[in-house]
């Protein structure tokens, strides 16, 4: 099942997740770097991260992967 969420893409700061319930998100960069998982959230704040392509992997409350979306972070 692929997550059907609306992501502001590209983004300058926050990505809001439009899904029926909070999800756990793991963020990684296209160079392979990963960040700690963010459990049960509805938004991801990329403000302090450099401009890059990020992959957001979404997991349900049981730890099952429900989808991956790519988002581009751009500076202003």
PDB file of N, CA and C in Angstrom:
ATOM      1  N   UNK A   1       0.843  -1.174   0.000  1.00  0.00           N
ATOM      2  CA  UNK A   1       0.000   0.000   0.000  1.00  0.00           C
ATOM      3  C   UNK A   1       0.885   1.232   0.000  1.00  0.00           C
ATOM      4  N   UNK A   2       0.604   2.156  -0.872  1.00  0.00           N
ATOM      5  CA  UNK A   2       1.378   3.398  -0.943  1.00  0.00           C
ATOM      6  C   UNK A   2       0.638   4.482  -0.175  1.00  0.00           C
ATOM      7  N   UNK A   3       1.362   5.218   0.613  1.00  0.00           N
ATOM      8  CA  UNK A   3       0.753   6.297   1.377  1.00  0.00           C
ATOM      9  C   UNK A   3       0.282   7.387   0.417  1.00  0.00           C
ATOM     10  N   UNK A   4      -0.903   7.876   0.632  1.00  0.00           N
ATOM     11  CA  UNK A   4      -1.456   8.940  -0.192  1.00  0.00           C
ATOM     12  C   UNK A   4      -1.462  10.195   0.653  1.00  0.00           C
ATOM     13  N   UNK A   5      -0.373  10.914   0.616  1.00  0.00           N
ATOM     14  CA  UNK A   5      -0.280  12.123   1.420  1.00  0.00           C
ATOM     15  C   UNK A   5       0.065  13.289   0.520  1.00  0.00           C
ATOM     16  N   UNK A   6      -0.306  14.475   0.965  1.00  0.00           N
ATOM     17  CA  UNK A   6       0.032  15.647   0.181  1.00  0.00           C
ATOM     18  C   UNK A   6       1.275  16.274   0.792  1.00  0.00           C
ATOM     19  N   UNK A   7       2.303  16.375   0.001  1.00  0.00           N
ATOM     20  CA  UNK A   7       3.549  16.977   0.454  1.00  0.00           C
ATOM     21  C   UNK A   7       3.781  18.256  -0.328  1.00  0.00           C
ATOM     22  N   UNK A   8       4.193  19.308   0.373  1.00  0.00           N
ATOM     23  CA  UNK A   8       4.575  20.522  -0.330  1.00  0.00           C
ATOM     24  C   UNK A   8       5.964  20.268  -0.912  1.00  0.00           C
ATOM     25  N   UNK A   9       6.043  20.230  -2.224  1.00  0.00           N
ATOM     26  CA  UNK A   9       7.292  19.833  -2.873  1.00  0.00           C
ATOM     27  C   UNK A   9       7.538  20.728  -4.077  1.00  0.00           C
ATOM     28  N   UNK A  10       8.597  21.515  -4.132  1.00  0.00           N
ATOM     29  CA  UNK A  10       9.660  21.560  -3.114  1.00  0.00           C
ATOM     30  C   UNK A  10       9.192  22.273  -1.851  1.00  0.00           C
ATOM     31  N   UNK A  11       9.999  22.163  -0.808  1.00  0.00           N
ATOM     32  CA  UNK A  11       9.679  22.809   0.455  1.00  0.00           C
ATOM     33  C   UNK A  11      10.854  23.678   0.893  1.00  0.00           C
ATOM     34  N   UNK A  12      10.552  24.651   1.730  1.00  0.00           N
ATOM     35  CA  UNK A  12      11.586  25.511   2.294  1.00  0.00           C
ATOM     36  C   UNK A  12      11.845  25.167   3.761  1.00  0.00           C
ATOM     37  N   UNK A  13      10.899  24.510   4.404  1.00  0.00           N
ATOM     38  CA  UNK A  13      11.050  24.224   5.824  1.00  0.00           C
ATOM     39  C   UNK A  13      10.305  22.955   6.236  1.00  0.00           C
ATOM     40  N   UNK A  14       8.985  23.062   6.385  1.00  0.00           N
ATOM     41  CA  UNK A  14       8.207  21.941   6.918  1.00  0.00           C
ATOM     42  C   UNK A  14       7.451  21.209   5.820  1.00  0.00           C
ATOM     43  N   UNK A  15       7.315  19.904   6.032  1.00  0.00           N
ATOM     44  CA  UNK A  15       6.504  19.049   5.177  1.00  0.00           C
ATOM     45  C   UNK A  15       5.353  18.551   6.041  1.00  0.00           C
ATOM     46  N   UNK A  16       4.141  18.838   5.613  1.00  0.00           N
ATOM     47  CA  UNK A  16       2.951  18.414   6.353  1.00  0.00           C
ATOM     48  C   UNK A  16       2.415  17.125   5.747  1.00  0.00           C
ATOM     49  N   UNK A  17       2.100  16.184   6.605  1.00  0.00           N
ATOM     50  CA  UNK A  17       1.658  14.862   6.170  1.00  0.00           C
ATOM     51  C   UNK A  17       0.138  14.774   6.343  1.00  0.00           C
ATOM     52  N   UNK A  18      -0.557  14.602   5.252  1.00  0.00           N
ATOM     53  CA  UNK A  18      -2.007  14.489   5.264  1.00  0.00           C
ATOM     54  C   UNK A  18      -2.372  13.007   5.165  1.00  0.00           C
ATOM     55  N   UNK A  19      -2.512  12.386   6.324  1.00  0.00           N
ATOM     56  CA  UNK A  19      -2.801  10.953   6.395  1.00  0.00           C
ATOM     57  C   UNK A  19      -3.798  10.747   7.512  1.00  0.00           C
ATOM     58  N   UNK A  20      -4.525   9.671   7.510  1.00  0.00           N
ATOM     59  CA  UNK A  20      -5.621   9.459   8.457  1.00  0.00           C
ATOM     60  C   UNK A  20      -5.183   9.389   9.918  1.00  0.00           C
ATOM     61  N   UNK A  21      -3.924   9.097  10.177  1.00  0.00           N
ATOM     62  CA  UNK A  21      -3.413   9.066  11.547  1.00  0.00           C
ATOM     63  C   UNK A  21      -1.922   9.351  11.528  1.00  0.00           C
ATOM     64  N   UNK A  22      -1.352   9.712  12.683  1.00  0.00           N
ATOM     65  CA  UNK A  22       0.086   9.967  12.724  1.00  0.00           C
ATOM     66  C   UNK A  22       0.882   8.746  12.265  1.00  0.00           C
ATOM     67  N   UNK A  23       2.036   9.013  11.650  1.00  0.00           N
ATOM     68  CA  UNK A  23       2.913   7.954  11.160  1.00  0.00           C
ATOM     69  C   UNK A  23       4.318   8.181  11.708  1.00  0.00           C
ATOM     70  N   UNK A  24       5.119   7.126  11.687  1.00  0.00           N
ATOM     71  CA  UNK A  24       6.539   7.257  12.001  1.00  0.00           C
ATOM     72  C   UNK A  24       7.253   7.519  10.682  1.00  0.00           C
ATOM     73  N   UNK A  25       8.176   8.488  10.699  1.00  0.00           N
ATOM     74  CA  UNK A  25       8.887   8.869   9.477  1.00  0.00           C
ATOM     75  C   UNK A  25      10.380   8.705   9.692  1.00  0.00           C
ATOM     76  N   UNK A  26      11.028   8.100   8.709  1.00  0.00           N
ATOM     77  CA  UNK A  26      12.493   8.032   8.676  1.00  0.00           C
ATOM     78  C   UNK A  26      12.936   8.848   7.473  1.00  0.00           C
ATOM     79  N   UNK A  27      13.850   9.787   7.713  1.00  0.00           N
ATOM     80  CA  UNK A  27      14.338  10.685   6.664  1.00  0.00           C
ATOM     81  C   UNK A  27      15.730  10.249   6.260  1.00  0.00           C
ATOM     82  N   UNK A  28      15.958  10.191   4.950  1.00  0.00           N
ATOM     83  CA  UNK A  28      17.300   9.917   4.434  1.00  0.00           C
ATOM     84  C   UNK A  28      17.572  10.858   3.266  1.00  0.00           C
ATOM     85  N   UNK A  29      18.853  11.033   2.987  1.00  0.00           N
ATOM     86  CA  UNK A  29      19.292  11.907   1.896  1.00  0.00           C
ATOM     87  C   UNK A  29      19.741  11.025   0.746  1.00  0.00           C
ATOM     88  N   UNK A  30      19.739  11.583  -0.460  1.00  0.00           N
ATOM     89  CA  UNK A  30      20.107  10.773  -1.625  1.00  0.00           C
ATOM     90  C   UNK A  30      21.550  10.280  -1.578  1.00  0.00           C
ATOM     91  N   UNK A  31      22.380  10.815  -0.656  1.00  0.00           N
ATOM     92  CA  UNK A  31      23.751  10.308  -0.513  1.00  0.00           C
ATOM     93  C   UNK A  31      23.841   9.144   0.472  1.00  0.00           C
ATOM     94  N   UNK A  32      22.679   8.723   1.031  1.00  0.00           N
ATOM     95  CA  UNK A  32      22.644   7.578   1.929  1.00  0.00           C
ATOM     96  C   UNK A  32      22.579   7.912   3.408  1.00  0.00           C
ATOM     97  N   UNK A  33      22.822   9.167   3.787  1.00  0.00           N
ATOM     98  CA  UNK A  33      22.759   9.554   5.196  1.00  0.00           C
ATOM     99  C   UNK A  33      21.324   9.436   5.690  1.00  0.00           C
ATOM    100  N   UNK A  34      21.161   8.889   6.907  1.00  0.00           N
ATOM    101  CA  UNK A  34      19.836   8.766   7.499  1.00  0.00           C
ATOM    102  C   UNK A  34      19.783   9.516   8.826  1.00  0.00           C
ATOM    103  N   UNK A  35      18.583   9.867   9.239  1.00  0.00           N
ATOM    104  CA  UNK A  35      18.350  10.589  10.479  1.00  0.00           C
ATOM    105  C   UNK A  35      17.500   9.718  11.387  1.00  0.00           C
ATOM    106  N   UNK A  36      17.526   9.976  12.701  1.00  0.00           N
ATOM    107  CA  UNK A  36      16.721   9.168  13.626  1.00  0.00           C
ATOM    108  C   UNK A  36      15.237   9.211  13.254  1.00  0.00           C
ATOM    109  N   UNK A  37      14.551   8.115  13.498  1.00  0.00           N
ATOM    110  CA  UNK A  37      13.114   8.028  13.208  1.00  0.00           C
ATOM    111  C   UNK A  37      12.354   9.029  14.072  1.00  0.00           C
ATOM    112  N   UNK A  38      11.292   9.572  13.493  1.00  0.00           N
ATOM    113  CA  UNK A  38      10.409  10.501  14.198  1.00  0.00           C
ATOM    114  C   UNK A  38       9.064   9.793  14.373  1.00  0.00           C
ATOM    115  N   UNK A  39       8.785   9.318  15.597  1.00  0.00           N
ATOM    116  CA  UNK A  39       7.572   8.513  15.793  1.00  0.00           C
ATOM    117  C   UNK A  39       6.287   9.335  15.861  1.00  0.00           C
ATOM    118  N   UNK A  40       5.249   8.806  15.229  1.00  0.00           N
ATOM    119  CA  UNK A  40       3.877   9.293  15.320  1.00  0.00           C
ATOM    120  C   UNK A  40       3.752  10.809  15.172  1.00  0.00           C
ATOM    121  N   UNK A  41       4.080  11.278  13.979  1.00  0.00           N
ATOM    122  CA  UNK A  41       4.058  12.709  13.698  1.00  0.00           C
ATOM    123  C   UNK A  41       3.128  13.009  12.525  1.00  0.00           C
ATOM    124  N   UNK A  42       2.867  14.308  12.310  1.00  0.00           N
ATOM    125  CA  UNK A  42       2.069  14.773  11.177  1.00  0.00           C
ATOM    126  C   UNK A  42       2.813  15.819  10.357  1.00  0.00           C
ATOM    127  N   UNK A  43       4.056  16.141  10.764  1.00  0.00           N
ATOM    128  CA  UNK A  43       4.869  17.063   9.990  1.00  0.00           C
ATOM    129  C   UNK A  43       6.344  16.762  10.204  1.00  0.00           C
ATOM    130  N   UNK A  44       7.153  17.088   9.200  1.00  0.00           N
ATOM    131  CA  UNK A  44       8.602  16.913   9.271  1.00  0.00           C
ATOM    132  C   UNK A  44       9.217  18.283   9.045  1.00  0.00           C
ATOM    133  N   UNK A  45      10.077  18.715   9.964  1.00  0.00           N
ATOM    134  CA  UNK A  45      10.725  20.026   9.852  1.00  0.00           C
ATOM    135  C   UNK A  45      12.130  19.841   9.296  1.00  0.00           C
ATOM    136  N   UNK A  46      12.346  20.336   8.062  1.00  0.00           N
ATOM    137  CA  UNK A  46      13.648  20.242   7.404  1.00  0.00           C
ATOM    138  C   UNK A  46      14.428  21.554   7.490  1.00  0.00           C
ATOM    139  N   UNK A  47      13.979  22.473   8.324  1.00  0.00           N
ATOM    140  CA  UNK A  47      14.556  23.815   8.399  1.00  0.00           C
ATOM    141  C   UNK A  47      16.072  23.806   8.567  1.00  0.00           C
ATOM    142  N   UNK A  48      16.594  23.042   9.496  1.00  0.00           N
ATOM    143  CA  UNK A  48      18.018  23.071   9.798  1.00  0.00           C
ATOM    144  C   UNK A  48      18.878  22.211   8.885  1.00  0.00           C
ATOM    145  N   UNK A  49      18.269  21.575   7.905  1.00  0.00           N
ATOM    146  CA  UNK A  49      19.010  20.676   7.021  1.00  0.00           C
ATOM    147  C   UNK A  49      19.409  21.393   5.728  1.00  0.00           C
ATOM    148  N   UNK A  50      20.490  20.952   5.107  1.00  0.00           N
ATOM    149  CA  UNK A  50      20.918  21.592   3.861  1.00  0.00           C
ATOM    150  C   UNK A  50      19.960  21.299   2.706  1.00  0.00           C
ATOM    151  N   UNK A  51      20.022  22.131   1.693  1.00  0.00           N
ATOM    152  CA  UNK A  51      19.217  21.901   0.494  1.00  0.00           C
ATOM    153  C   UNK A  51      19.650  20.591  -0.144  1.00  0.00           C
ATOM    154  N   UNK A  52      18.684  19.727  -0.424  1.00  0.00           N
ATOM    155  CA  UNK A  52      18.977  18.407  -0.994  1.00  0.00           C
ATOM    156  C   UNK A  52      17.664  17.717  -1.327  1.00  0.00           C
ATOM    157  N   UNK A  53      17.778  16.542  -1.935  1.00  0.00           N
ATOM    158  CA  UNK A  53      16.635  15.656  -2.133  1.00  0.00           C
ATOM    159  C   UNK A  53      16.574  14.711  -0.944  1.00  0.00           C
ATOM    160  N   UNK A  54      15.420  14.659  -0.300  1.00  0.00           N
ATOM    161  CA  UNK A  54      15.221  13.805   0.867  1.00  0.00           C
ATOM    162  C   UNK A  54      14.176  12.752   0.543  1.00  0.00           C
ATOM    163  N   UNK A  55      14.351  11.587   1.147  1.00  0.00           N
ATOM    164  CA  UNK A  55      13.381  10.513   1.024  1.00  0.00           C
ATOM    165  C   UNK A  55      12.727  10.325   2.381  1.00  0.00           C
ATOM    166  N   UNK A  56      11.406  10.370   2.405  1.00  0.00           N
ATOM    167  CA  UNK A  56      10.651  10.196   3.632  1.00  0.00           C
ATOM    168  C   UNK A  56       9.985   8.828   3.571  1.00  0.00           C
ATOM    169  N   UNK A  57      10.395   7.939   4.458  1.00  0.00           N
ATOM    170  CA  UNK A  57       9.812   6.599   4.532  1.00  0.00           C
ATOM    171  C   UNK A  57       8.788   6.604   5.660  1.00  0.00           C
ATOM    172  N   UNK A  58       7.568   6.175   5.352  1.00  0.00           N
ATOM    173  CA  UNK A  58       6.457   6.208   6.293  1.00  0.00           C
ATOM    174  C   UNK A  58       6.162   4.808   6.819  1.00  0.00           C
ATOM    175  N   UNK A  59       5.922   4.726   8.140  1.00  0.00           N
ATOM    176  CA  UNK A  59       5.633   3.462   8.807  1.00  0.00           C
ATOM    177  C   UNK A  59       4.381   3.618   9.659  1.00  0.00           C
ATOM    178  N   UNK A  60       3.560   2.572   9.697  1.00  0.00           N
ATOM    179  CA  UNK A  60       2.364   2.611  10.539  1.00  0.00           C
ATOM    180  C   UNK A  60       2.733   2.315  11.984  1.00  0.00           C
ATOM    181  N   UNK A  61       1.707   2.294  12.835  1.00  0.00           N
ATOM    182  CA  UNK A  61       1.936   2.100  14.276  1.00  0.00           C
ATOM    183  C   UNK A  61       2.512   0.732  14.611  1.00  0.00           C
ATOM    184  N   UNK A  62       2.456  -0.227  13.671  1.00  0.00           N
ATOM    185  CA  UNK A  62       3.024  -1.554  13.886  1.00  0.00           C
ATOM    186  C   UNK A  62       4.419  -1.707  13.282  1.00  0.00           C
ATOM    187  N   UNK A  63       4.955  -0.619  12.717  1.00  0.00           N
ATOM    188  CA  UNK A  63       6.286  -0.670  12.127  1.00  0.00           C
ATOM    189  C   UNK A  63       6.323  -1.153  10.690  1.00  0.00           C
ATOM    190  N   UNK A  64       5.161  -1.311  10.060  1.00  0.00           N
ATOM    191  CA  UNK A  64       5.099  -1.726   8.660  1.00  0.00           C
ATOM    192  C   UNK A  64       5.299  -0.528   7.742  1.00  0.00           C
ATOM    193  N   UNK A  65       6.180  -0.671   6.776  1.00  0.00           N
ATOM    194  CA  UNK A  65       6.432   0.413   5.826  1.00  0.00           C
ATOM    195  C   UNK A  65       5.211   0.561   4.928  1.00  0.00           C
ATOM    196  N   UNK A  66       4.682   1.798   4.851  1.00  0.00           N
ATOM    197  CA  UNK A  66       3.495   2.042   4.033  1.00  0.00           C
ATOM    198  C   UNK A  66       3.780   2.917   2.824  1.00  0.00           C
ATOM    199  N   UNK A  67       4.997   3.401   2.703  1.00  0.00           N
ATOM    200  CA  UNK A  67       5.317   4.181   1.515  1.00  0.00           C
ATOM    201  C   UNK A  67       6.576   5.011   1.681  1.00  0.00           C
ATOM    202  N   UNK A  68       7.052   5.524   0.550  1.00  0.00           N
ATOM    203  CA  UNK A  68       8.221   6.411   0.510  1.00  0.00           C
ATOM    204  C   UNK A  68       7.914   7.536  -0.456  1.00  0.00           C
ATOM    205  N   UNK A  69       8.216   8.754  -0.078  1.00  0.00           N
ATOM    206  CA  UNK A  69       8.057   9.913  -0.948  1.00  0.00           C
ATOM    207  C   UNK A  69       9.357  10.688  -0.979  1.00  0.00           C
ATOM    208  N   UNK A  70       9.640  11.294  -2.113  1.00  0.00           N
ATOM    209  CA  UNK A  70      10.826  12.147  -2.245  1.00  0.00           C
ATOM    210  C   UNK A  70      10.373  13.593  -2.169  1.00  0.00           C
ATOM    211  N   UNK A  71      11.135  14.401  -1.449  1.00  0.00           N
ATOM    212  CA  UNK A  71      10.862  15.827  -1.353  1.00  0.00           C
ATOM    213  C   UNK A  71      12.169  16.582  -1.522  1.00  0.00           C
ATOM    214  N   UNK A  72      12.110  17.714  -2.190  1.00  0.00           N
ATOM    215  CA  UNK A  72      13.290  18.554  -2.397  1.00  0.00           C
ATOM    216  C   UNK A  72      13.224  19.725  -1.458  1.00  0.00           C
ATOM    217  N   UNK A  73      14.281  19.924  -0.662  1.00  0.00           N
ATOM    218  CA  UNK A  73      14.376  21.070   0.227  1.00  0.00           C
ATOM    219  C   UNK A  73      15.185  22.133  -0.480  1.00  0.00           C
ATOM    220  N   UNK A  74      14.586  23.338  -0.564  1.00  0.00           N
ATOM    221  CA  UNK A  74      15.252  24.461  -1.225  1.00  0.00           C
ATOM    222  C   UNK A  74      15.356  25.634  -0.259  1.00  0.00           C
ATOM    223  N   UNK A  75      16.409  26.425  -0.405  1.00  0.00           N
ATOM    224  CA  UNK A  75      16.569  27.623   0.404  1.00  0.00           C
ATOM    225  C   UNK A  75      15.821  28.778  -0.216  1.00  0.00           C
ATOM    226  N   UNK A  76      15.642  29.807   0.546  1.00  0.00           N
ATOM    227  CA  UNK A  76      14.962  31.003   0.016  1.00  0.00           C
ATOM    228  C   UNK A  76      15.946  32.038  -0.380  1.00  0.00           C
TER     229      UNK A  76
END
